[in-house]
Amino acid sequence: MTNNEILDIAMQQSAYDTNAKASDFLMDTNVFVKSEIGPLAKRYYKEPIACNLISYGSNIVASVKDEYREIVERYLSKYEFYHCFETPNMHWLDERMKEYGYRVCFMAEYFLPDVNALKRRKCSYPLKVLEQKDFSDLYLPTWGNALCEDRKQLDVLGVGAYDNGKLIGLSACSADCDDMWQIGIDVLPEYRRQGIASSLTSNLAIEIIDRGKVPFYCCAWSNLKSVKNALRSGFVPGWVEMTVKDAGFVENMNK
């Protein structure tokens, strides 16, 4: 795969996620589409979503329910598109959506592999490629970033690092959509700062590409440890998202 092919696949997937067209993300003006989760959307998207803002760096594609479109249009017209994903500006949107029972919820940065930088980084410990059947005993809090117990059926591939047979680090991926698999990573605290995370992440990314899929990586932009791991592993920023969801959902997450 080339970097352009990877980016095209990611934009097409974002189009499936938002009821948009892939070309919408390349426009130099903001694009508004009617919010709808299609059959090919990433499998973790769940209704109700009042609004989802996505940017690949040129504009914002706003996937929004009809009844909130005027609010979102006003919001995007007030600020430069890249300032719409940050405070204090996003408070403007949050305050107005709160009146309708919605709040700004998820905000994240997504990373894509740079094939010119991606390589199998070496590890001081033996590595092993794992398949779905190998995960059955690993659904523990220790590996909660690499694996998702609520969606076990989507965890399809992983790479583990071992110290005398003990699993000390795990990178695994979920088949969140047909063409893209999302990577998560965990390393035991006493084994961190040894390059294990980037070794596992880069090796898994190459295993995913070898299977004809695009690996992607997601974290909060304030999670600098995770951001640095993405960069060391051969990933670069791909796109950003901000989602407005039901206020009860947000309140429940904050308990």
C-alpha atoms as a PDB file:
ATOM      1  CA  MET A   1       0.000   0.000   0.000  1.00  0.00           C
ATOM      2  CA  THR A   2       1.074   3.573  -0.591  1.00  0.00           C
ATOM      3  CA  ASN A   3       0.360   6.443   1.790  1.00  0.00           C
ATOM      4  CA  ASN A   4      -2.103   7.869  -0.723  1.00  0.00           C
ATOM      5  CA  GLU A   5      -3.960   4.553  -0.904  1.00  0.00           C
ATOM      6  CA  ILE A   6      -4.099   4.389   2.892  1.00  0.00           C
ATOM      7  CA  LEU A   7      -5.460   7.922   3.116  1.00  0.00           C
ATOM      8  CA  ASP A   8      -8.052   7.210   0.418  1.00  0.00           C
ATOM      9  CA  ILE A   9      -9.271   4.149   2.338  1.00  0.00           C
ATOM     10  CA  ALA A  10      -9.489   6.141   5.581  1.00  0.00           C
ATOM     11  CA  MET A  11     -11.460   8.955   3.945  1.00  0.00           C
ATOM     12  CA  GLN A  12     -13.808   6.484   2.318  1.00  0.00           C
ATOM     13  CA  GLN A  13     -14.399   4.881   5.704  1.00  0.00           C
ATOM     14  CA  SER A  14     -15.083   8.268   7.276  1.00  0.00           C
ATOM     15  CA  ALA A  15     -17.569   8.839   4.473  1.00  0.00           C
ATOM     16  CA  TYR A  16     -19.315   5.570   5.359  1.00  0.00           C
ATOM     17  CA  ASP A  17     -19.312   6.658   9.009  1.00  0.00           C
ATOM     18  CA  THR A  18     -20.926  10.025   8.381  1.00  0.00           C
ATOM     19  CA  ASN A  19     -23.130   9.636   5.291  1.00  0.00           C
ATOM     20  CA  ALA A  20     -20.686  11.821   3.341  1.00  0.00           C
ATOM     21  CA  LYS A  21     -18.513  11.434   0.236  1.00  0.00           C
ATOM     22  CA  ALA A  22     -14.783  10.810   0.476  1.00  0.00           C
ATOM     23  CA  SER A  23     -14.150  13.910  -1.637  1.00  0.00           C
ATOM     24  CA  ASP A  24     -15.935  16.046   0.986  1.00  0.00           C
ATOM     25  CA  PHE A  25     -12.882  15.794   3.248  1.00  0.00           C
ATOM     26  CA  LEU A  26     -10.678  17.431   0.615  1.00  0.00           C
ATOM     27  CA  MET A  27     -12.811  20.560   0.168  1.00  0.00           C
ATOM     28  CA  ASP A  28     -11.517  23.937   1.321  1.00  0.00           C
ATOM     29  CA  THR A  29     -14.925  24.851   2.750  1.00  0.00           C
ATOM     30  CA  ASN A  30     -16.969  23.072   5.407  1.00  0.00           C
ATOM     31  CA  VAL A  31     -19.444  20.431   4.253  1.00  0.00           C
ATOM     32  CA  PHE A  32     -22.740  19.542   5.947  1.00  0.00           C
ATOM     33  CA  VAL A  33     -24.401  16.151   5.546  1.00  0.00           C
ATOM     34  CA  LYS A  34     -27.387  14.528   7.212  1.00  0.00           C
ATOM     35  CA  SER A  35     -26.293  12.343  10.117  1.00  0.00           C
ATOM     36  CA  GLU A  36     -26.821   8.655   9.486  1.00  0.00           C
ATOM     37  CA  ILE A  37     -24.895   5.561  10.580  1.00  0.00           C
ATOM     38  CA  GLY A  38     -24.685   3.405   7.474  1.00  0.00           C
ATOM     39  CA  PRO A  39     -24.213  -0.371   7.251  1.00  0.00           C
ATOM     40  CA  LEU A  40     -20.491   0.027   6.492  1.00  0.00           C
ATOM     41  CA  ALA A  41     -19.763   2.424   9.373  1.00  0.00           C
ATOM     42  CA  LYS A  42     -17.259   1.581  12.087  1.00  0.00           C
ATOM     43  CA  ARG A  43     -18.935  -0.893  14.378  1.00  0.00           C
ATOM     44  CA  TYR A  44     -18.487   1.147  17.554  1.00  0.00           C
ATOM     45  CA  TYR A  45     -20.664   4.030  16.342  1.00  0.00           C
ATOM     46  CA  LYS A  46     -23.993   3.967  18.164  1.00  0.00           C
ATOM     47  CA  GLU A  47     -27.047   6.192  17.984  1.00  0.00           C
ATOM     48  CA  PRO A  48     -28.040   8.707  19.116  1.00  0.00           C
ATOM     49  CA  ILE A  49     -25.396  10.976  17.601  1.00  0.00           C
ATOM     50  CA  ALA A  50     -26.609  14.539  17.195  1.00  0.00           C
ATOM     51  CA  CYS A  51     -23.462  15.689  15.455  1.00  0.00           C
ATOM     52  CA  ASN A  52     -20.062  14.358  14.422  1.00  0.00           C
ATOM     53  CA  LEU A  53     -17.348  16.756  13.257  1.00  0.00           C
ATOM     54  CA  ILE A  54     -14.441  15.274  11.289  1.00  0.00           C
ATOM     55  CA  SER A  55     -11.414  17.021   9.813  1.00  0.00           C
ATOM     56  CA  TYR A  56      -8.529  15.683   7.746  1.00  0.00           C
ATOM     57  CA  GLY A  57      -6.892  19.103   7.882  1.00  0.00           C
ATOM     58  CA  SER A  58      -8.598  21.014   5.074  1.00  0.00           C
ATOM     59  CA  ASN A  59     -12.094  21.610   6.435  1.00  0.00           C
ATOM     60  CA  ILE A  60     -14.763  20.094   8.653  1.00  0.00           C
ATOM     61  CA  VAL A  61     -17.326  17.605   7.462  1.00  0.00           C
ATOM     62  CA  ALA A  62     -20.270  17.997   9.817  1.00  0.00           C
ATOM     63  CA  SER A  63     -22.598  15.020   9.962  1.00  0.00           C
ATOM     64  CA  VAL A  64     -25.589  16.413  11.834  1.00  0.00           C
ATOM     65  CA  LYS A  65     -29.244  15.706  12.501  1.00  0.00           C
ATOM     66  CA  ASP A  66     -31.533  18.070  10.620  1.00  0.00           C
ATOM     67  CA  GLU A  67     -32.951  19.665  13.767  1.00  0.00           C
ATOM     68  CA  TYR A  68     -29.482  20.798  14.939  1.00  0.00           C
ATOM     69  CA  ARG A  69     -28.026  21.837  11.613  1.00  0.00           C
ATOM     70  CA  GLU A  70     -28.626  25.565  12.110  1.00  0.00           C
ATOM     71  CA  ILE A  71     -26.746  25.508  15.435  1.00  0.00           C
ATOM     72  CA  VAL A  72     -23.799  23.630  13.951  1.00  0.00           C
ATOM     73  CA  GLU A  73     -23.695  25.872  10.883  1.00  0.00           C
ATOM     74  CA  ARG A  74     -23.515  28.930  13.162  1.00  0.00           C
ATOM     75  CA  TYR A  75     -20.768  27.287  15.194  1.00  0.00           C
ATOM     76  CA  LEU A  76     -18.621  26.444  12.208  1.00  0.00           C
ATOM     77  CA  SER A  77     -19.092  29.917  10.757  1.00  0.00           C
ATOM     78  CA  LYS A  78     -17.866  31.594  13.954  1.00  0.00           C
ATOM     79  CA  TYR A  79     -14.379  30.049  14.142  1.00  0.00           C
ATOM     80  CA  GLU A  80     -11.571  28.755  11.966  1.00  0.00           C
ATOM     81  CA  PHE A  81     -12.292  25.068  11.420  1.00  0.00           C
ATOM     82  CA  TYR A  82      -9.308  23.857  13.461  1.00  0.00           C
ATOM     83  CA  HIS A  83     -10.428  25.945  16.454  1.00  0.00           C
ATOM     84  CA  CYS A  84     -13.808  24.172  16.512  1.00  0.00           C
ATOM     85  CA  PHE A  85     -12.175  21.187  18.210  1.00  0.00           C
ATOM     86  CA  GLU A  86     -10.889  23.036  21.253  1.00  0.00           C
ATOM     87  CA  THR A  87     -11.858  25.139  24.228  1.00  0.00           C
ATOM     88  CA  PRO A  88     -12.971  27.800  24.776  1.00  0.00           C
ATOM     89  CA  ASN A  89     -14.785  27.721  21.439  1.00  0.00           C
ATOM     90  CA  MET A  90     -16.440  24.343  21.826  1.00  0.00           C
ATOM     91  CA  HIS A  91     -18.221  25.616  24.945  1.00  0.00           C
ATOM     92  CA  TRP A  92     -20.363  27.673  22.576  1.00  0.00           C
ATOM     93  CA  LEU A  93     -21.603  24.486  20.908  1.00  0.00           C
ATOM     94  CA  ASP A  94     -21.893  22.531  24.147  1.00  0.00           C
ATOM     95  CA  GLU A  95     -24.042  25.166  25.836  1.00  0.00           C
ATOM     96  CA  ARG A  96     -26.513  25.284  22.957  1.00  0.00           C
ATOM     97  CA  MET A  97     -26.723  21.516  22.510  1.00  0.00           C
ATOM     98  CA  LYS A  98     -27.279  21.100  26.262  1.00  0.00           C
ATOM     99  CA  GLU A  99     -30.654  22.791  25.842  1.00  0.00           C
ATOM    100  CA  TYR A 100     -31.708  19.835  23.651  1.00  0.00           C
ATOM    101  CA  GLY A 101     -30.300  17.115  25.908  1.00  0.00           C
ATOM    102  CA  TYR A 102     -26.953  16.660  24.171  1.00  0.00           C
ATOM    103  CA  ARG A 103     -23.341  17.376  25.141  1.00  0.00           C
ATOM    104  CA  VAL A 104     -19.963  17.389  23.462  1.00  0.00           C
ATOM    105  CA  CYS A 105     -18.624  13.916  24.174  1.00  0.00           C
ATOM    106  CA  PHE A 106     -15.767  12.130  22.417  1.00  0.00           C
ATOM    107  CA  MET A 107     -12.782  14.079  21.121  1.00  0.00           C
ATOM    108  CA  ALA A 108      -9.895  12.145  19.624  1.00  0.00           C
ATOM    109  CA  GLU A 109      -7.002  12.167  17.200  1.00  0.00           C
ATOM    110  CA  TYR A 110      -6.538   9.290  14.771  1.00  0.00           C
ATOM    111  CA  PHE A 111      -3.237   8.126  13.306  1.00  0.00           C
ATOM    112  CA  LEU A 112      -2.423   6.298  10.074  1.00  0.00           C
ATOM    113  CA  PRO A 113       0.784   4.442   9.160  1.00  0.00           C
ATOM    114  CA  ASP A 114       3.450   6.189   7.113  1.00  0.00           C
ATOM    115  CA  VAL A 115       4.791   3.385   4.920  1.00  0.00           C
ATOM    116  CA  ASN A 116       8.068   5.285   4.522  1.00  0.00           C
ATOM    117  CA  ALA A 117       8.632   5.282   8.287  1.00  0.00           C
ATOM    118  CA  LEU A 118       6.918   2.049   9.336  1.00  0.00           C
ATOM    119  CA  LYS A 119       9.293  -0.812  10.104  1.00  0.00           C
ATOM    120  CA  ARG A 120       9.461  -3.738  12.494  1.00  0.00           C
ATOM    121  CA  ARG A 121      11.073  -2.161  15.528  1.00  0.00           C
ATOM    122  CA  LYS A 122      13.245  -4.550  17.482  1.00  0.00           C
ATOM    123  CA  CYS A 123      12.382  -5.716  20.980  1.00  0.00           C
ATOM    124  CA  SER A 124      14.578  -7.064  23.782  1.00  0.00           C
ATOM    125  CA  TYR A 125      11.986  -9.763  24.412  1.00  0.00           C
ATOM    126  CA  PRO A 126      10.630 -12.503  22.137  1.00  0.00           C
ATOM    127  CA  LEU A 127       7.521 -11.570  20.157  1.00  0.00           C
ATOM    128  CA  LYS A 128       4.684 -13.836  19.083  1.00  0.00           C
ATOM    129  CA  VAL A 129       1.828 -13.250  16.650  1.00  0.00           C
ATOM    130  CA  LEU A 130      -1.519 -14.074  18.298  1.00  0.00           C
ATOM    131  CA  GLU A 131      -4.882 -14.869  16.772  1.00  0.00           C
ATOM    132  CA  GLN A 132      -8.413 -14.630  18.123  1.00  0.00           C
ATOM    133  CA  LYS A 133      -8.267 -18.081  19.726  1.00  0.00           C
ATOM    134  CA  ASP A 134      -5.288 -16.949  21.816  1.00  0.00           C
ATOM    135  CA  PHE A 135      -7.195 -14.110  23.507  1.00  0.00           C
ATOM    136  CA  SER A 136      -9.710 -16.142  25.503  1.00  0.00           C
ATOM    137  CA  ASP A 137      -7.840 -15.880  28.830  1.00  0.00           C
ATOM    138  CA  LEU A 138      -6.593 -12.332  28.301  1.00  0.00           C
ATOM    139  CA  TYR A 139      -9.781 -10.330  28.876  1.00  0.00           C
ATOM    140  CA  LEU A 140      -8.441  -8.746  32.058  1.00  0.00           C
ATOM    141  CA  PRO A 141      -8.049  -5.091  33.132  1.00  0.00           C
ATOM    142  CA  THR A 142      -4.306  -5.461  32.485  1.00  0.00           C
ATOM    143  CA  TRP A 143      -4.970  -5.741  28.750  1.00  0.00           C
ATOM    144  CA  GLY A 144      -7.992  -3.434  28.615  1.00  0.00           C
ATOM    145  CA  ASN A 145      -6.538  -1.116  25.974  1.00  0.00           C
ATOM    146  CA  ALA A 146      -5.439  -3.904  23.645  1.00  0.00           C
ATOM    147  CA  LEU A 147      -8.617  -5.987  23.922  1.00  0.00           C
ATOM    148  CA  CYS A 148     -12.293  -5.134  24.375  1.00  0.00           C
ATOM    149  CA  GLU A 149     -14.379  -7.649  26.316  1.00  0.00           C
ATOM    150  CA  ASP A 150     -17.635  -6.123  25.105  1.00  0.00           C
ATOM    151  CA  ARG A 151     -16.669  -6.762  21.485  1.00  0.00           C
ATOM    152  CA  LYS A 152     -14.612  -9.951  21.675  1.00  0.00           C
ATOM    153  CA  GLN A 153     -15.753 -11.057  18.256  1.00  0.00           C
ATOM    154  CA  LEU A 154     -13.924  -8.104  16.672  1.00  0.00           C
ATOM    155  CA  ASP A 155     -10.524  -8.783  18.277  1.00  0.00           C
ATOM    156  CA  VAL A 156      -8.809 -10.592  15.432  1.00  0.00           C
ATOM    157  CA  LEU A 157      -5.018 -10.272  15.651  1.00  0.00           C
ATOM    158  CA  GLY A 158      -2.266  -9.357  18.073  1.00  0.00           C
ATOM    159  CA  VAL A 159       1.430  -9.410  18.887  1.00  0.00           C
ATOM    160  CA  GLY A 160       2.636 -10.274  22.386  1.00  0.00           C
ATOM    161  CA  ALA A 161       6.003  -9.768  24.101  1.00  0.00           C
ATOM    162  CA  TYR A 162       7.141 -12.422  26.572  1.00  0.00           C
ATOM    163  CA  ASP A 163       9.682 -12.605  29.400  1.00  0.00           C
ATOM    164  CA  ASN A 164      10.436 -16.251  30.149  1.00  0.00           C
ATOM    165  CA  GLY A 165       6.958 -17.205  28.966  1.00  0.00           C
ATOM    166  CA  LYS A 166       5.178 -14.385  30.829  1.00  0.00           C
ATOM    167  CA  LEU A 167       3.141 -11.978  28.710  1.00  0.00           C
ATOM    168  CA  ILE A 168       4.530  -8.520  29.451  1.00  0.00           C
ATOM    169  CA  GLY A 169       3.108  -6.493  26.574  1.00  0.00           C
ATOM    170  CA  LEU A 170       0.246  -6.885  24.142  1.00  0.00           C
ATOM    171  CA  SER A 171      -0.801  -5.015  21.041  1.00  0.00           C
ATOM    172  CA  ALA A 172      -4.035  -6.212  19.487  1.00  0.00           C
ATOM    173  CA  CYS A 173      -6.481  -4.956  16.904  1.00  0.00           C
ATOM    174  CA  SER A 174     -10.211  -4.990  16.392  1.00  0.00           C
ATOM    175  CA  ALA A 175     -11.876  -5.321  12.996  1.00  0.00           C
ATOM    176  CA  ASP A 176     -13.916  -2.167  13.493  1.00  0.00           C
ATOM    177  CA  CYS A 177     -14.783  -1.978   9.800  1.00  0.00           C
ATOM    178  CA  ASP A 178     -14.221  -4.011   6.671  1.00  0.00           C
ATOM    179  CA  ASP A 179     -10.964  -2.394   5.530  1.00  0.00           C
ATOM    180  CA  MET A 180      -9.489  -0.880   8.702  1.00  0.00           C
ATOM    181  CA  TRP A 181      -8.383  -2.510  11.965  1.00  0.00           C
ATOM    182  CA  GLN A 182      -7.812  -0.421  15.105  1.00  0.00           C
ATOM    183  CA  ILE A 183      -4.722  -1.021  17.244  1.00  0.00           C
ATOM    184  CA  GLY A 184      -4.616  -0.899  21.052  1.00  0.00           C
ATOM    185  CA  ILE A 185      -1.565  -1.400  23.267  1.00  0.00           C
ATOM    186  CA  ASP A 186      -0.751  -2.351  26.874  1.00  0.00           C
ATOM    187  CA  VAL A 187       2.603  -2.969  28.579  1.00  0.00           C
ATOM    188  CA  LEU A 188       3.036  -4.031  32.207  1.00  0.00           C
ATOM    189  CA  PRO A 189       4.208  -1.039  34.303  1.00  0.00           C
ATOM    190  CA  GLU A 190       7.525  -2.591  35.312  1.00  0.00           C
ATOM    191  CA  TYR A 191       8.455  -3.162  31.659  1.00  0.00           C
ATOM    192  CA  ARG A 192       7.702   0.295  30.301  1.00  0.00           C
ATOM    193  CA  ARG A 193      10.234   2.763  28.835  1.00  0.00           C
ATOM    194  CA  GLN A 194      12.086  -0.039  27.056  1.00  0.00           C
ATOM    195  CA  GLY A 195      10.645   0.417  23.579  1.00  0.00           C
ATOM    196  CA  ILE A 196       8.272  -2.540  23.928  1.00  0.00           C
ATOM    197  CA  ALA A 197       5.145  -0.582  23.047  1.00  0.00           C
ATOM    198  CA  SER A 198       6.518   0.777  19.772  1.00  0.00           C
ATOM    199  CA  SER A 199       7.944  -2.622  18.856  1.00  0.00           C
ATOM    200  CA  LEU A 200       4.586  -4.309  19.402  1.00  0.00           C
ATOM    201  CA  THR A 201       2.637  -1.547  17.654  1.00  0.00           C
ATOM    202  CA  SER A 202       4.882  -1.434  14.586  1.00  0.00           C
ATOM    203  CA  ASN A 203       5.024  -5.207  14.223  1.00  0.00           C
ATOM    204  CA  LEU A 204       1.263  -5.496  14.500  1.00  0.00           C
ATOM    205  CA  ALA A 205       0.771  -2.692  11.976  1.00  0.00           C
ATOM    206  CA  ILE A 206       2.873  -4.569   9.433  1.00  0.00           C
ATOM    207  CA  GLU A 207       0.990  -7.819  10.146  1.00  0.00           C
ATOM    208  CA  ILE A 208      -2.273  -5.956   9.467  1.00  0.00           C
ATOM    209  CA  ILE A 209      -1.008  -4.480   6.205  1.00  0.00           C
ATOM    210  CA  ASP A 210       0.240  -7.922   5.146  1.00  0.00           C
ATOM    211  CA  ARG A 211      -3.371  -9.071   5.465  1.00  0.00           C
ATOM    212  CA  GLY A 212      -4.585  -6.320   3.162  1.00  0.00           C
ATOM    213  CA  LYS A 213      -6.074  -4.092   5.873  1.00  0.00           C
ATOM    214  CA  VAL A 214      -5.239  -0.560   7.021  1.00  0.00           C
ATOM    215  CA  PRO A 215      -4.146  -0.232  10.663  1.00  0.00           C
ATOM    216  CA  PHE A 216      -5.237   2.856  12.562  1.00  0.00           C
ATOM    217  CA  TYR A 217      -4.522   4.144  16.031  1.00  0.00           C
ATOM    218  CA  CYS A 218      -6.603   6.446  18.219  1.00  0.00           C
ATOM    219  CA  CYS A 219      -5.933   8.396  21.384  1.00  0.00           C
ATOM    220  CA  ALA A 220      -6.803  11.606  23.175  1.00  0.00           C
ATOM    221  CA  TRP A 221      -4.458  14.380  22.071  1.00  0.00           C
ATOM    222  CA  SER A 222      -3.616  14.998  25.745  1.00  0.00           C
ATOM    223  CA  ASN A 223      -2.370  11.397  26.122  1.00  0.00           C
ATOM    224  CA  LEU A 224       1.196  12.259  25.184  1.00  0.00           C
ATOM    225  CA  LYS A 225       2.554   8.808  26.027  1.00  0.00           C
ATOM    226  CA  SER A 226       0.191   7.283  23.502  1.00  0.00           C
ATOM    227  CA  VAL A 227       0.837  10.001  20.916  1.00  0.00           C
ATOM    228  CA  LYS A 228       4.597   9.494  21.208  1.00  0.00           C
ATOM    229  CA  ASN A 229       4.146   5.753  20.831  1.00  0.00           C
ATOM    230  CA  ALA A 230       2.179   6.283  17.631  1.00  0.00           C
ATOM    231  CA  LEU A 231       4.911   8.516  16.212  1.00  0.00           C
ATOM    232  CA  ARG A 232       7.742   6.179  17.236  1.00  0.00           C
ATOM    233  CA  SER A 233       5.859   3.261  15.702  1.00  0.00           C
ATOM    234  CA  GLY A 234       5.706   4.861  12.259  1.00  0.00           C
ATOM    235  CA  PHE A 235       2.282   6.511  12.423  1.00  0.00           C
ATOM    236  CA  VAL A 236       1.350  10.097  11.594  1.00  0.00           C
ATOM    237  CA  PRO A 237      -1.761  12.174  12.391  1.00  0.00           C
ATOM    238  CA  GLY A 238      -4.593  11.303  10.007  1.00  0.00           C
ATOM    239  CA  TRP A 239      -7.782  12.976  11.172  1.00  0.00           C
ATOM    240  CA  VAL A 240      -9.628  14.336  14.214  1.00  0.00           C
ATOM    241  CA  GLU A 241     -13.199  13.852  15.409  1.00  0.00           C
ATOM    242  CA  MET A 242     -15.553  15.448  17.904  1.00  0.00           C
ATOM    243  CA  THR A 243     -18.907  13.847  18.651  1.00  0.00           C
ATOM    244  CA  VAL A 244     -22.027  15.303  20.289  1.00  0.00           C
ATOM    245  CA  LYS A 245     -24.036  12.629  22.073  1.00  0.00           C
ATOM    246  CA  ASP A 246     -26.946  12.226  24.457  1.00  0.00           C
ATOM    247  CA  ALA A 247     -26.375  14.041  27.769  1.00  0.00           C
ATOM    248  CA  GLY A 248     -27.380  10.944  29.736  1.00  0.00           C
ATOM    249  CA  PHE A 249     -24.677   8.948  27.982  1.00  0.00           C
ATOM    250  CA  VAL A 250     -22.079  11.579  28.887  1.00  0.00           C
ATOM    251  CA  GLU A 251     -23.295  11.746  32.487  1.00  0.00           C
ATOM    252  CA  ASN A 252     -23.098   7.981  32.811  1.00  0.00           C
ATOM    253  CA  MET A 253     -19.504   7.971  31.549  1.00  0.00           C
ATOM    254  CA  ASN A 254     -18.582  10.580  34.172  1.00  0.00           C
ATOM    255  CA  LYS A 255     -19.858   8.534  37.119  1.00  0.00           C
END
